[in-house]
C-alpha atoms as a PDB file:
ATOM      1  CA  UNK A   1      11.246 -22.673 -31.686  1.00  0.00           C
ATOM      2  CA  UNK A   2       9.358 -19.790 -30.525  1.00  0.00           C
ATOM      3  CA  UNK A   3       9.375 -20.978 -27.037  1.00  0.00           C
ATOM      4  CA  UNK A   4       8.605 -23.834 -24.634  1.00  0.00           C
ATOM      5  CA  UNK A   5       5.140 -25.585 -25.103  1.00  0.00           C
ATOM      6  CA  UNK A   6       3.006 -25.156 -22.112  1.00  0.00           C
ATOM      7  CA  UNK A   7      -0.161 -27.425 -21.780  1.00  0.00           C
ATOM      8  CA  UNK A   8      -3.429 -25.581 -21.201  1.00  0.00           C
ATOM      9  CA  UNK A   9      -5.666 -26.339 -18.081  1.00  0.00           C
ATOM     10  CA  UNK A  10      -8.878 -27.464 -18.170  1.00  0.00           C
ATOM     11  CA  UNK A  11     -11.107 -25.595 -20.696  1.00  0.00           C
ATOM     12  CA  UNK A  12     -13.623 -23.461 -19.541  1.00  0.00           C
ATOM     13  CA  UNK A  13     -16.981 -22.706 -21.596  1.00  0.00           C
ATOM     14  CA  UNK A  14     -19.596 -20.344 -20.751  1.00  0.00           C
ATOM     15  CA  UNK A  15     -23.212 -21.814 -22.085  1.00  0.00           C
ATOM     16  CA  UNK A  16     -26.495 -22.429 -20.984  1.00  0.00           C
ATOM     17  CA  UNK A  17     -27.536 -19.601 -18.725  1.00  0.00           C
ATOM     18  CA  UNK A  18     -27.933 -20.635 -14.964  1.00  0.00           C
ATOM     19  CA  UNK A  19     -28.827 -17.544 -13.214  1.00  0.00           C
ATOM     20  CA  UNK A  20     -28.753 -13.614 -13.913  1.00  0.00           C
ATOM     21  CA  UNK A  21     -28.374 -11.579 -10.464  1.00  0.00           C
ATOM     22  CA  UNK A  22     -28.933  -7.695 -10.689  1.00  0.00           C
ATOM     23  CA  UNK A  23     -28.003  -5.487  -7.884  1.00  0.00           C
ATOM     24  CA  UNK A  24     -28.832  -1.734  -8.676  1.00  0.00           C
ATOM     25  CA  UNK A  25     -26.401   0.980  -7.486  1.00  0.00           C
ATOM     26  CA  UNK A  26     -28.290   3.519  -5.362  1.00  0.00           C
ATOM     27  CA  UNK A  27     -25.974   6.128  -7.037  1.00  0.00           C
ATOM     28  CA  UNK A  28     -22.877   6.446  -9.038  1.00  0.00           C
ATOM     29  CA  UNK A  29     -20.719   5.678  -6.144  1.00  0.00           C
ATOM     30  CA  UNK A  30     -22.609   3.236  -3.909  1.00  0.00           C
ATOM     31  CA  UNK A  31     -23.834  -0.638  -4.488  1.00  0.00           C
ATOM     32  CA  UNK A  32     -27.163  -1.172  -3.176  1.00  0.00           C
ATOM     33  CA  UNK A  33     -27.781  -4.237  -1.105  1.00  0.00           C
ATOM     34  CA  UNK A  34     -30.996  -5.630  -2.765  1.00  0.00           C
ATOM     35  CA  UNK A  35     -30.442  -8.023  -5.660  1.00  0.00           C
ATOM     36  CA  UNK A  36     -32.810  -9.409  -7.989  1.00  0.00           C
ATOM     37  CA  UNK A  37     -32.967 -12.628  -9.619  1.00  0.00           C
ATOM     38  CA  UNK A  38     -34.000 -12.193 -13.316  1.00  0.00           C
ATOM     39  CA  UNK A  39     -35.565 -15.689 -14.081  1.00  0.00           C
ATOM     40  CA  UNK A  40     -37.674 -15.153 -17.026  1.00  0.00           C
ATOM     41  CA  UNK A  41     -35.079 -14.644 -19.621  1.00  0.00           C
ATOM     42  CA  UNK A  42     -35.874 -15.616 -23.239  1.00  0.00           C
ATOM     43  CA  UNK A  43     -33.752 -18.228 -24.687  1.00  0.00           C
ATOM     44  CA  UNK A  44     -30.552 -17.219 -26.884  1.00  0.00           C
ATOM     45  CA  UNK A  45     -30.964 -13.388 -26.015  1.00  0.00           C
ATOM     46  CA  UNK A  46     -28.060 -12.997 -23.534  1.00  0.00           C
ATOM     47  CA  UNK A  47     -24.904 -11.777 -24.521  1.00  0.00           C
ATOM     48  CA  UNK A  48     -21.968  -9.779 -23.524  1.00  0.00           C
ATOM     49  CA  UNK A  49     -20.217  -8.281 -26.501  1.00  0.00           C
ATOM     50  CA  UNK A  50     -17.244  -5.938 -26.946  1.00  0.00           C
ATOM     51  CA  UNK A  51     -17.327  -3.557 -29.975  1.00  0.00           C
ATOM     52  CA  UNK A  52     -14.282  -3.722 -32.373  1.00  0.00           C
ATOM     53  CA  UNK A  53     -11.304  -1.768 -30.987  1.00  0.00           C
ATOM     54  CA  UNK A  54     -10.699   1.411 -32.553  1.00  0.00           C
ATOM     55  CA  UNK A  55      -7.394   1.636 -34.189  1.00  0.00           C
ATOM     56  CA  UNK A  56      -5.824   5.221 -35.122  1.00  0.00           C
ATOM     57  CA  UNK A  57      -2.874   4.753 -37.317  1.00  0.00           C
ATOM     58  CA  UNK A  58      -0.440   7.458 -38.279  1.00  0.00           C
ATOM     59  CA  UNK A  59       0.712   6.410 -41.815  1.00  0.00           C
ATOM     60  CA  UNK A  60       4.478   6.525 -42.962  1.00  0.00           C
ATOM     61  CA  UNK A  61       5.359   8.349 -45.967  1.00  0.00           C
ATOM     62  CA  UNK A  62       8.040   5.657 -47.320  1.00  0.00           C
ATOM     63  CA  UNK A  63       6.294   2.531 -46.029  1.00  0.00           C
ATOM     64  CA  UNK A  64       3.144   0.885 -45.712  1.00  0.00           C
ATOM     65  CA  UNK A  65       3.748   0.214 -42.126  1.00  0.00           C
ATOM     66  CA  UNK A  66       2.518   2.877 -39.715  1.00  0.00           C
ATOM     67  CA  UNK A  67       4.615   5.060 -37.952  1.00  0.00           C
ATOM     68  CA  UNK A  68       2.356   4.373 -34.810  1.00  0.00           C
ATOM     69  CA  UNK A  69      -0.877   2.912 -33.775  1.00  0.00           C
ATOM     70  CA  UNK A  70      -3.057   3.978 -31.170  1.00  0.00           C
ATOM     71  CA  UNK A  71      -5.581   1.445 -29.796  1.00  0.00           C
ATOM     72  CA  UNK A  72      -8.728   2.057 -28.043  1.00  0.00           C
ATOM     73  CA  UNK A  73     -10.528  -0.853 -26.525  1.00  0.00           C
ATOM     74  CA  UNK A  74     -14.258  -1.630 -27.956  1.00  0.00           C
ATOM     75  CA  UNK A  75     -16.971  -0.967 -25.359  1.00  0.00           C
ATOM     76  CA  UNK A  76     -18.626  -4.100 -23.906  1.00  0.00           C
ATOM     77  CA  UNK A  77     -22.250  -4.134 -23.917  1.00  0.00           C
ATOM     78  CA  UNK A  78     -24.676  -6.651 -22.015  1.00  0.00           C
ATOM     79  CA  UNK A  79     -27.961  -7.523 -23.541  1.00  0.00           C
ATOM     80  CA  UNK A  80     -30.878 -10.041 -22.790  1.00  0.00           C
ATOM     81  CA  UNK A  81     -34.682  -9.975 -22.882  1.00  0.00           C
ATOM     82  CA  UNK A  82     -37.084 -10.962 -20.044  1.00  0.00           C
ATOM     83  CA  UNK A  83     -40.888 -11.385 -20.103  1.00  0.00           C
ATOM     84  CA  UNK A  84     -41.103 -10.419 -16.363  1.00  0.00           C
ATOM     85  CA  UNK A  85     -42.507  -6.581 -16.446  1.00  0.00           C
ATOM     86  CA  UNK A  86     -43.240  -6.475 -12.718  1.00  0.00           C
ATOM     87  CA  UNK A  87     -42.989  -3.288 -10.987  1.00  0.00           C
ATOM     88  CA  UNK A  88     -39.588  -3.725  -9.146  1.00  0.00           C
ATOM     89  CA  UNK A  89     -38.044  -4.497 -12.603  1.00  0.00           C
ATOM     90  CA  UNK A  90     -39.445  -1.568 -14.374  1.00  0.00           C
ATOM     91  CA  UNK A  91     -38.603   0.676 -11.465  1.00  0.00           C
ATOM     92  CA  UNK A  92     -34.917  -0.619 -11.050  1.00  0.00           C
ATOM     93  CA  UNK A  93     -33.733  -1.298 -14.220  1.00  0.00           C
ATOM     94  CA  UNK A  94     -35.845   0.932 -16.442  1.00  0.00           C
ATOM     95  CA  UNK A  95     -36.300   3.998 -14.211  1.00  0.00           C
ATOM     96  CA  UNK A  96     -40.055   3.842 -13.996  1.00  0.00           C
ATOM     97  CA  UNK A  97     -41.776   5.166 -10.766  1.00  0.00           C
ATOM     98  CA  UNK A  98     -44.774   3.962  -8.774  1.00  0.00           C
ATOM     99  CA  UNK A  99     -47.603   5.714  -6.791  1.00  0.00           C
ATOM    100  CA  UNK A 100     -47.598   5.299  -3.169  1.00  0.00           C
ATOM    101  CA  UNK A 101     -49.803   2.219  -3.241  1.00  0.00           C
ATOM    102  CA  UNK A 102     -47.408   0.328  -5.731  1.00  0.00           C
ATOM    103  CA  UNK A 103     -50.500  -0.083  -7.978  1.00  0.00           C
ATOM    104  CA  UNK A 104     -49.465   2.140 -10.688  1.00  0.00           C
ATOM    105  CA  UNK A 105     -46.040   2.415 -12.487  1.00  0.00           C
ATOM    106  CA  UNK A 106     -45.208   5.439 -14.698  1.00  0.00           C
ATOM    107  CA  UNK A 107     -42.765   5.343 -17.647  1.00  0.00           C
ATOM    108  CA  UNK A 108     -39.940   8.099 -17.148  1.00  0.00           C
ATOM    109  CA  UNK A 109     -40.347  10.976 -19.674  1.00  0.00           C
ATOM    110  CA  UNK A 110     -36.653  11.648 -19.790  1.00  0.00           C
ATOM    111  CA  UNK A 111     -33.484   9.642 -19.393  1.00  0.00           C
ATOM    112  CA  UNK A 112     -31.899   8.888 -15.894  1.00  0.00           C
ATOM    113  CA  UNK A 113     -28.582   7.392 -15.316  1.00  0.00           C
ATOM    114  CA  UNK A 114     -29.343   3.912 -13.616  1.00  0.00           C
ATOM    115  CA  UNK A 115     -26.395   1.558 -13.017  1.00  0.00           C
ATOM    116  CA  UNK A 116     -26.574  -2.306 -11.904  1.00  0.00           C
ATOM    117  CA  UNK A 117     -23.840  -4.807 -11.015  1.00  0.00           C
ATOM    118  CA  UNK A 118     -24.513  -8.304 -12.528  1.00  0.00           C
ATOM    119  CA  UNK A 119     -23.528 -11.830 -11.708  1.00  0.00           C
ATOM    120  CA  UNK A 120     -24.135 -14.364 -14.377  1.00  0.00           C
ATOM    121  CA  UNK A 121     -24.034 -18.029 -13.733  1.00  0.00           C
ATOM    122  CA  UNK A 122     -23.860 -20.954 -16.259  1.00  0.00           C
ATOM    123  CA  UNK A 123     -24.554 -24.849 -16.408  1.00  0.00           C
ATOM    124  CA  UNK A 124     -21.466 -25.397 -18.265  1.00  0.00           C
ATOM    125  CA  UNK A 125     -19.023 -24.036 -15.571  1.00  0.00           C
ATOM    126  CA  UNK A 126     -19.047 -23.124 -11.826  1.00  0.00           C
ATOM    127  CA  UNK A 127     -17.323 -19.991 -12.633  1.00  0.00           C
ATOM    128  CA  UNK A 128     -19.090 -16.667 -13.066  1.00  0.00           C
ATOM    129  CA  UNK A 129     -19.059 -13.576 -15.104  1.00  0.00           C
ATOM    130  CA  UNK A 130     -19.269 -10.364 -13.120  1.00  0.00           C
ATOM    131  CA  UNK A 131     -20.247  -6.876 -14.533  1.00  0.00           C
ATOM    132  CA  UNK A 132     -19.484  -4.532 -11.849  1.00  0.00           C
ATOM    133  CA  UNK A 133     -21.269  -1.507 -13.141  1.00  0.00           C
ATOM    134  CA  UNK A 134     -23.540  -1.492 -16.177  1.00  0.00           C
ATOM    135  CA  UNK A 135     -24.993   1.897 -17.201  1.00  0.00           C
ATOM    136  CA  UNK A 136     -28.513   0.746 -18.126  1.00  0.00           C
ATOM    137  CA  UNK A 137     -30.194   1.701 -21.472  1.00  0.00           C
ATOM    138  CA  UNK A 138     -33.256  -0.647 -21.354  1.00  0.00           C
ATOM    139  CA  UNK A 139     -36.636  -0.541 -22.917  1.00  0.00           C
ATOM    140  CA  UNK A 140     -39.874  -2.214 -22.327  1.00  0.00           C
ATOM    141  CA  UNK A 141     -41.617  -3.339 -25.504  1.00  0.00           C
ATOM    142  CA  UNK A 142     -45.354  -3.776 -24.798  1.00  0.00           C
ATOM    143  CA  UNK A 143     -46.769  -5.512 -27.480  1.00  0.00           C
ATOM    144  CA  UNK A 144     -49.409  -8.274 -27.763  1.00  0.00           C
ATOM    145  CA  UNK A 145     -49.079 -10.533 -30.836  1.00  0.00           C
ATOM    146  CA  UNK A 146     -50.732 -13.889 -31.222  1.00  0.00           C
ATOM    147  CA  UNK A 147     -47.261 -15.731 -31.287  1.00  0.00           C
ATOM    148  CA  UNK A 148     -45.352 -13.561 -28.924  1.00  0.00           C
ATOM    149  CA  UNK A 149     -45.559 -11.646 -25.405  1.00  0.00           C
ATOM    150  CA  UNK A 150     -44.164  -8.226 -24.396  1.00  0.00           C
ATOM    151  CA  UNK A 151     -40.556  -8.325 -23.326  1.00  0.00           C
ATOM    152  CA  UNK A 152     -38.116  -6.169 -21.211  1.00  0.00           C
ATOM    153  CA  UNK A 153     -35.033  -5.441 -23.312  1.00  0.00           C
ATOM    154  CA  UNK A 154     -32.359  -5.359 -20.594  1.00  0.00           C
ATOM    155  CA  UNK A 155     -29.291  -3.754 -21.851  1.00  0.00           C
ATOM    156  CA  UNK A 156     -26.422  -1.565 -20.918  1.00  0.00           C
ATOM    157  CA  UNK A 157     -22.771  -0.500 -21.521  1.00  0.00           C
ATOM    158  CA  UNK A 158     -20.240  -1.823 -18.991  1.00  0.00           C
ATOM    159  CA  UNK A 159     -18.288   0.850 -17.111  1.00  0.00           C
ATOM    160  CA  UNK A 160     -15.310   0.002 -14.725  1.00  0.00           C
ATOM    161  CA  UNK A 161     -15.547  -0.600 -11.084  1.00  0.00           C
ATOM    162  CA  UNK A 162     -13.567  -2.321  -8.588  1.00  0.00           C
ATOM    163  CA  UNK A 163     -13.793  -6.093  -8.198  1.00  0.00           C
ATOM    164  CA  UNK A 164     -11.652  -7.318  -5.599  1.00  0.00           C
ATOM    165  CA  UNK A 165      -9.651  -4.062  -5.438  1.00  0.00           C
ATOM    166  CA  UNK A 166      -8.984  -4.377  -9.268  1.00  0.00           C
ATOM    167  CA  UNK A 167     -10.775  -1.866 -11.608  1.00  0.00           C
ATOM    168  CA  UNK A 168     -12.451  -3.414 -14.600  1.00  0.00           C
ATOM    169  CA  UNK A 169     -15.547  -3.682 -16.868  1.00  0.00           C
ATOM    170  CA  UNK A 170     -15.702  -7.373 -16.371  1.00  0.00           C
ATOM    171  CA  UNK A 171     -14.169 -10.191 -14.253  1.00  0.00           C
ATOM    172  CA  UNK A 172     -14.447 -13.985 -14.365  1.00  0.00           C
ATOM    173  CA  UNK A 173     -14.391 -15.419 -10.970  1.00  0.00           C
ATOM    174  CA  UNK A 174     -13.433 -18.990 -10.177  1.00  0.00           C
ATOM    175  CA  UNK A 175     -15.806 -21.297  -8.300  1.00  0.00           C
ATOM    176  CA  UNK A 176     -15.861 -20.926  -4.729  1.00  0.00           C
ATOM    177  CA  UNK A 177     -13.924 -17.650  -4.617  1.00  0.00           C
ATOM    178  CA  UNK A 178     -15.523 -14.636  -2.836  1.00  0.00           C
ATOM    179  CA  UNK A 179     -15.284 -11.299  -4.275  1.00  0.00           C
ATOM    180  CA  UNK A 180     -16.625  -7.676  -3.656  1.00  0.00           C
ATOM    181  CA  UNK A 181     -17.623  -4.998  -5.925  1.00  0.00           C
ATOM    182  CA  UNK A 182     -17.264  -1.162  -5.213  1.00  0.00           C
ATOM    183  CA  UNK A 183     -16.686   2.155  -6.678  1.00  0.00           C
ATOM    184  CA  UNK A 184     -13.318   2.399  -4.795  1.00  0.00           C
ATOM    185  CA  UNK A 185     -10.573   0.180  -3.861  1.00  0.00           C
ATOM    186  CA  UNK A 186     -11.016  -1.020  -0.277  1.00  0.00           C
ATOM    187  CA  UNK A 187      -7.872  -1.546   2.066  1.00  0.00           C
ATOM    188  CA  UNK A 188      -5.630  -1.144  -0.634  1.00  0.00           C
END
């Protein structure tokens, strides 16, 4: 026998998006205070996906087993589509700018680093997923087709930041547990 069998606890399933809260970072080291509730999310477009791990093996001359394997974790990415193209979303998640009156928004002519923290809730569990720092790589698709609408492709790469003083690029927070997000550990 390998070990003593331990029963697992209650299963946790993440399904049926309940909410998506997005809080922009004001710069690379400061989380902002304004949170946006992205509500017009297109069904079945939200995902958090980790790329395959990169394995660099040093082959052994006399065996099929490698001498050494170096494993690098695959990057995590977030993606969803929203049909909401209001000015605040275009400015905060896409890097657009607005005129002084806020009547006209302008698409950027070059890429600018934008970071957000995300809190994602589900109807299948009270636990939440926290992405503390996502480097945005979003794009607006303005299209008018007979059977579709324009969409905001909200995408980005997950970067590490501190959640409750632990450096991570993703955390699952148990229901009822408070948490903090920051660029540095606090009080450690």
